[in-house]
């Protein structure tokens, strides 16, 4: 399931390098993407989110994945279900150039194979320890 992990790492790298919109290639046409308490449905809405993130060039980030757990449910069909649950440590660059840990997110990505390639169908991201 290295290809699924590579999709997640790749779109985070796109965000961190200032090319967030390039990450849209990781998502299925009917994908759902949850971020900041909102749900974006379909590639057009997700692309809108990624373009807005890219336009915010003053916010420089580094996403670090940790504590990864991959689950594969294979019922023998040609369409196994794959899920990657991970903690995302989000670091934000400060005015002095140092990166400060901004938050830790519990993130779940679900995948399916389409036309011979894996794509993200669902992305759910919530703070590990929500504030009350």
C-alpha atoms as a PDB file:
ATOM      1  CA  UNK A   1       0.000   0.000   0.000  1.00  0.00           C
ATOM      2  CA  UNK A   2       2.995   2.220  -0.538  1.00  0.00           C
ATOM      3  CA  UNK A   3       1.253   3.916  -3.462  1.00  0.00           C
ATOM      4  CA  UNK A   4      -1.600   5.055  -1.229  1.00  0.00           C
ATOM      5  CA  UNK A   5       0.830   6.504   1.297  1.00  0.00           C
ATOM      6  CA  UNK A   6       2.714   8.199  -1.545  1.00  0.00           C
ATOM      7  CA  UNK A   7      -0.511   9.982  -2.592  1.00  0.00           C
ATOM      8  CA  UNK A   8      -0.944  11.398   0.908  1.00  0.00           C
ATOM      9  CA  UNK A   9       2.697  12.420   1.205  1.00  0.00           C
ATOM     10  CA  UNK A  10       2.601  13.901  -2.293  1.00  0.00           C
ATOM     11  CA  UNK A  11      -0.357  16.206  -1.843  1.00  0.00           C
ATOM     12  CA  UNK A  12       0.985  17.385   1.525  1.00  0.00           C
ATOM     13  CA  UNK A  13       4.312  18.092  -0.159  1.00  0.00           C
ATOM     14  CA  UNK A  14       2.464  20.092  -2.832  1.00  0.00           C
ATOM     15  CA  UNK A  15       0.821  22.179  -0.096  1.00  0.00           C
ATOM     16  CA  UNK A  16       4.104  22.698   1.749  1.00  0.00           C
ATOM     17  CA  UNK A  17       5.938  23.747  -1.417  1.00  0.00           C
ATOM     18  CA  UNK A  18       3.344  26.391  -2.315  1.00  0.00           C
ATOM     19  CA  UNK A  19       1.732  24.359  -5.114  1.00  0.00           C
ATOM     20  CA  UNK A  20      -1.357  23.121  -3.270  1.00  0.00           C
ATOM     21  CA  UNK A  21      -3.548  22.978  -6.399  1.00  0.00           C
ATOM     22  CA  UNK A  22      -1.200  20.381  -7.913  1.00  0.00           C
ATOM     23  CA  UNK A  23      -2.391  17.976  -5.206  1.00  0.00           C
ATOM     24  CA  UNK A  24      -5.803  17.574  -6.861  1.00  0.00           C
ATOM     25  CA  UNK A  25      -4.463  14.658  -8.901  1.00  0.00           C
ATOM     26  CA  UNK A  26      -4.523  12.475  -5.782  1.00  0.00           C
ATOM     27  CA  UNK A  27      -8.320  12.645  -5.460  1.00  0.00           C
ATOM     28  CA  UNK A  28     -11.141  10.706  -7.098  1.00  0.00           C
ATOM     29  CA  UNK A  29     -13.833  12.660  -8.968  1.00  0.00           C
ATOM     30  CA  UNK A  30     -16.365  11.995  -6.191  1.00  0.00           C
ATOM     31  CA  UNK A  31     -13.953  12.398  -3.262  1.00  0.00           C
ATOM     32  CA  UNK A  32     -14.907  14.025   0.031  1.00  0.00           C
ATOM     33  CA  UNK A  33     -12.318  16.159   1.803  1.00  0.00           C
ATOM     34  CA  UNK A  34     -12.876  17.372   5.338  1.00  0.00           C
ATOM     35  CA  UNK A  35     -10.705  20.208   6.651  1.00  0.00           C
ATOM     36  CA  UNK A  36     -11.201  23.020   9.153  1.00  0.00           C
ATOM     37  CA  UNK A  37     -14.653  21.717  10.067  1.00  0.00           C
ATOM     38  CA  UNK A  38     -15.924  21.858   6.480  1.00  0.00           C
ATOM     39  CA  UNK A  39     -16.574  19.125   3.922  1.00  0.00           C
ATOM     40  CA  UNK A  40     -15.652  19.650   0.284  1.00  0.00           C
ATOM     41  CA  UNK A  41     -17.327  17.268  -2.155  1.00  0.00           C
ATOM     42  CA  UNK A  42     -15.995  16.426  -5.589  1.00  0.00           C
ATOM     43  CA  UNK A  43     -12.835  17.549  -7.328  1.00  0.00           C
ATOM     44  CA  UNK A  44     -14.152  21.045  -8.109  1.00  0.00           C
ATOM     45  CA  UNK A  45     -14.804  21.905  -4.446  1.00  0.00           C
ATOM     46  CA  UNK A  46     -11.558  20.276  -3.330  1.00  0.00           C
ATOM     47  CA  UNK A  47      -9.647  22.157  -6.009  1.00  0.00           C
ATOM     48  CA  UNK A  48     -11.250  25.389  -4.803  1.00  0.00           C
ATOM     49  CA  UNK A  49      -9.983  24.657  -1.288  1.00  0.00           C
ATOM     50  CA  UNK A  50      -6.497  23.832  -2.587  1.00  0.00           C
ATOM     51  CA  UNK A  51      -6.365  26.971  -4.762  1.00  0.00           C
ATOM     52  CA  UNK A  52      -7.354  29.128  -1.785  1.00  0.00           C
ATOM     53  CA  UNK A  53      -4.630  27.460   0.283  1.00  0.00           C
ATOM     54  CA  UNK A  54      -2.106  28.090  -2.491  1.00  0.00           C
ATOM     55  CA  UNK A  55      -3.123  31.748  -2.695  1.00  0.00           C
ATOM     56  CA  UNK A  56      -2.331  32.124   1.016  1.00  0.00           C
ATOM     57  CA  UNK A  57       1.409  32.251   0.292  1.00  0.00           C
ATOM     58  CA  UNK A  58       2.168  33.903   3.627  1.00  0.00           C
ATOM     59  CA  UNK A  59       1.276  30.678   5.452  1.00  0.00           C
ATOM     60  CA  UNK A  60       4.211  28.316   5.071  1.00  0.00           C
ATOM     61  CA  UNK A  61       3.746  24.852   6.495  1.00  0.00           C
ATOM     62  CA  UNK A  62       5.362  21.478   6.930  1.00  0.00           C
ATOM     63  CA  UNK A  63       3.161  18.404   7.372  1.00  0.00           C
ATOM     64  CA  UNK A  64       4.779  15.422   9.114  1.00  0.00           C
ATOM     65  CA  UNK A  65       3.039  12.033   9.153  1.00  0.00           C
ATOM     66  CA  UNK A  66       3.405   9.811  12.216  1.00  0.00           C
ATOM     67  CA  UNK A  67       1.849   6.721  13.811  1.00  0.00           C
ATOM     68  CA  UNK A  68       0.565   5.343  10.523  1.00  0.00           C
ATOM     69  CA  UNK A  69      -1.864   2.432  10.468  1.00  0.00           C
ATOM     70  CA  UNK A  70      -2.914   0.838   7.172  1.00  0.00           C
ATOM     71  CA  UNK A  71      -6.020  -1.314   7.004  1.00  0.00           C
ATOM     72  CA  UNK A  72      -6.845  -3.413   3.949  1.00  0.00           C
ATOM     73  CA  UNK A  73     -10.215  -5.101   3.597  1.00  0.00           C
ATOM     74  CA  UNK A  74      -9.900  -7.546   0.742  1.00  0.00           C
ATOM     75  CA  UNK A  75     -12.999  -9.590   0.027  1.00  0.00           C
ATOM     76  CA  UNK A  76     -11.371 -11.252  -2.984  1.00  0.00           C
ATOM     77  CA  UNK A  77     -12.835  -8.800  -5.483  1.00  0.00           C
ATOM     78  CA  UNK A  78     -10.784  -6.551  -7.721  1.00  0.00           C
ATOM     79  CA  UNK A  79     -11.636  -3.626  -5.435  1.00  0.00           C
ATOM     80  CA  UNK A  80     -10.016  -3.955  -2.004  1.00  0.00           C
ATOM     81  CA  UNK A  81     -10.729  -1.150   0.453  1.00  0.00           C
ATOM     82  CA  UNK A  82      -7.674   0.588   1.829  1.00  0.00           C
ATOM     83  CA  UNK A  83      -7.553   3.064   4.691  1.00  0.00           C
ATOM     84  CA  UNK A  84      -4.567   4.982   6.059  1.00  0.00           C
ATOM     85  CA  UNK A  85      -4.987   6.469   9.515  1.00  0.00           C
ATOM     86  CA  UNK A  86      -2.202   8.782  10.624  1.00  0.00           C
ATOM     87  CA  UNK A  87      -1.355  11.648  12.902  1.00  0.00           C
ATOM     88  CA  UNK A  88      -0.405  14.751  10.945  1.00  0.00           C
ATOM     89  CA  UNK A  89       1.873  17.118  12.822  1.00  0.00           C
ATOM     90  CA  UNK A  90       1.309  20.524  11.250  1.00  0.00           C
ATOM     91  CA  UNK A  91       4.196  22.948  11.654  1.00  0.00           C
ATOM     92  CA  UNK A  92       3.832  26.616  10.657  1.00  0.00           C
ATOM     93  CA  UNK A  93       6.747  28.884   9.808  1.00  0.00           C
ATOM     94  CA  UNK A  94       7.131  31.847  12.147  1.00  0.00           C
ATOM     95  CA  UNK A  95       8.403  35.321  11.270  1.00  0.00           C
ATOM     96  CA  UNK A  96      11.900  34.393  12.487  1.00  0.00           C
ATOM     97  CA  UNK A  97      11.998  31.436  10.065  1.00  0.00           C
ATOM     98  CA  UNK A  98      11.547  28.771  12.744  1.00  0.00           C
ATOM     99  CA  UNK A  99       8.748  26.235  12.451  1.00  0.00           C
ATOM    100  CA  UNK A 100       6.392  25.820  15.384  1.00  0.00           C
ATOM    101  CA  UNK A 101       4.059  22.865  15.895  1.00  0.00           C
ATOM    102  CA  UNK A 102       0.621  24.379  15.311  1.00  0.00           C
ATOM    103  CA  UNK A 103      -1.574  21.315  15.817  1.00  0.00           C
ATOM    104  CA  UNK A 104      -1.765  17.547  15.692  1.00  0.00           C
ATOM    105  CA  UNK A 105      -4.502  16.125  13.495  1.00  0.00           C
ATOM    106  CA  UNK A 106      -6.039  12.669  13.495  1.00  0.00           C
ATOM    107  CA  UNK A 107      -6.393  12.042   9.780  1.00  0.00           C
ATOM    108  CA  UNK A 108      -8.010   9.187   7.863  1.00  0.00           C
ATOM    109  CA  UNK A 109      -7.645   8.672   4.124  1.00  0.00           C
ATOM    110  CA  UNK A 110      -9.645   6.064   2.225  1.00  0.00           C
ATOM    111  CA  UNK A 111      -8.652   4.881  -1.236  1.00  0.00           C
ATOM    112  CA  UNK A 112      -9.939   2.975  -4.224  1.00  0.00           C
ATOM    113  CA  UNK A 113      -8.307   1.797  -7.392  1.00  0.00           C
ATOM    114  CA  UNK A 114      -9.579   3.415 -10.571  1.00  0.00           C
ATOM    115  CA  UNK A 115      -8.225   2.765 -14.058  1.00  0.00           C
ATOM    116  CA  UNK A 116      -5.232   1.001 -12.568  1.00  0.00           C
ATOM    117  CA  UNK A 117      -4.271   3.726 -10.107  1.00  0.00           C
ATOM    118  CA  UNK A 118      -5.091   4.434  -6.479  1.00  0.00           C
ATOM    119  CA  UNK A 119      -7.045   7.607  -5.644  1.00  0.00           C
ATOM    120  CA  UNK A 120      -8.206   9.174  -2.405  1.00  0.00           C
ATOM    121  CA  UNK A 121     -11.983   8.917  -1.958  1.00  0.00           C
ATOM    122  CA  UNK A 122     -12.318  10.322   1.577  1.00  0.00           C
ATOM    123  CA  UNK A 123     -10.097  12.481   3.724  1.00  0.00           C
ATOM    124  CA  UNK A 124     -11.179  13.246   7.271  1.00  0.00           C
ATOM    125  CA  UNK A 125      -8.999  15.451   9.449  1.00  0.00           C
ATOM    126  CA  UNK A 126      -9.789  16.485  12.997  1.00  0.00           C
ATOM    127  CA  UNK A 127      -7.725  17.820  15.884  1.00  0.00           C
ATOM    128  CA  UNK A 128      -6.351  14.978  17.987  1.00  0.00           C
ATOM    129  CA  UNK A 129      -7.439  16.784  21.163  1.00  0.00           C
ATOM    130  CA  UNK A 130     -10.325  19.117  20.293  1.00  0.00           C
ATOM    131  CA  UNK A 131     -10.784  22.228  22.361  1.00  0.00           C
ATOM    132  CA  UNK A 132     -13.994  22.615  24.301  1.00  0.00           C
END
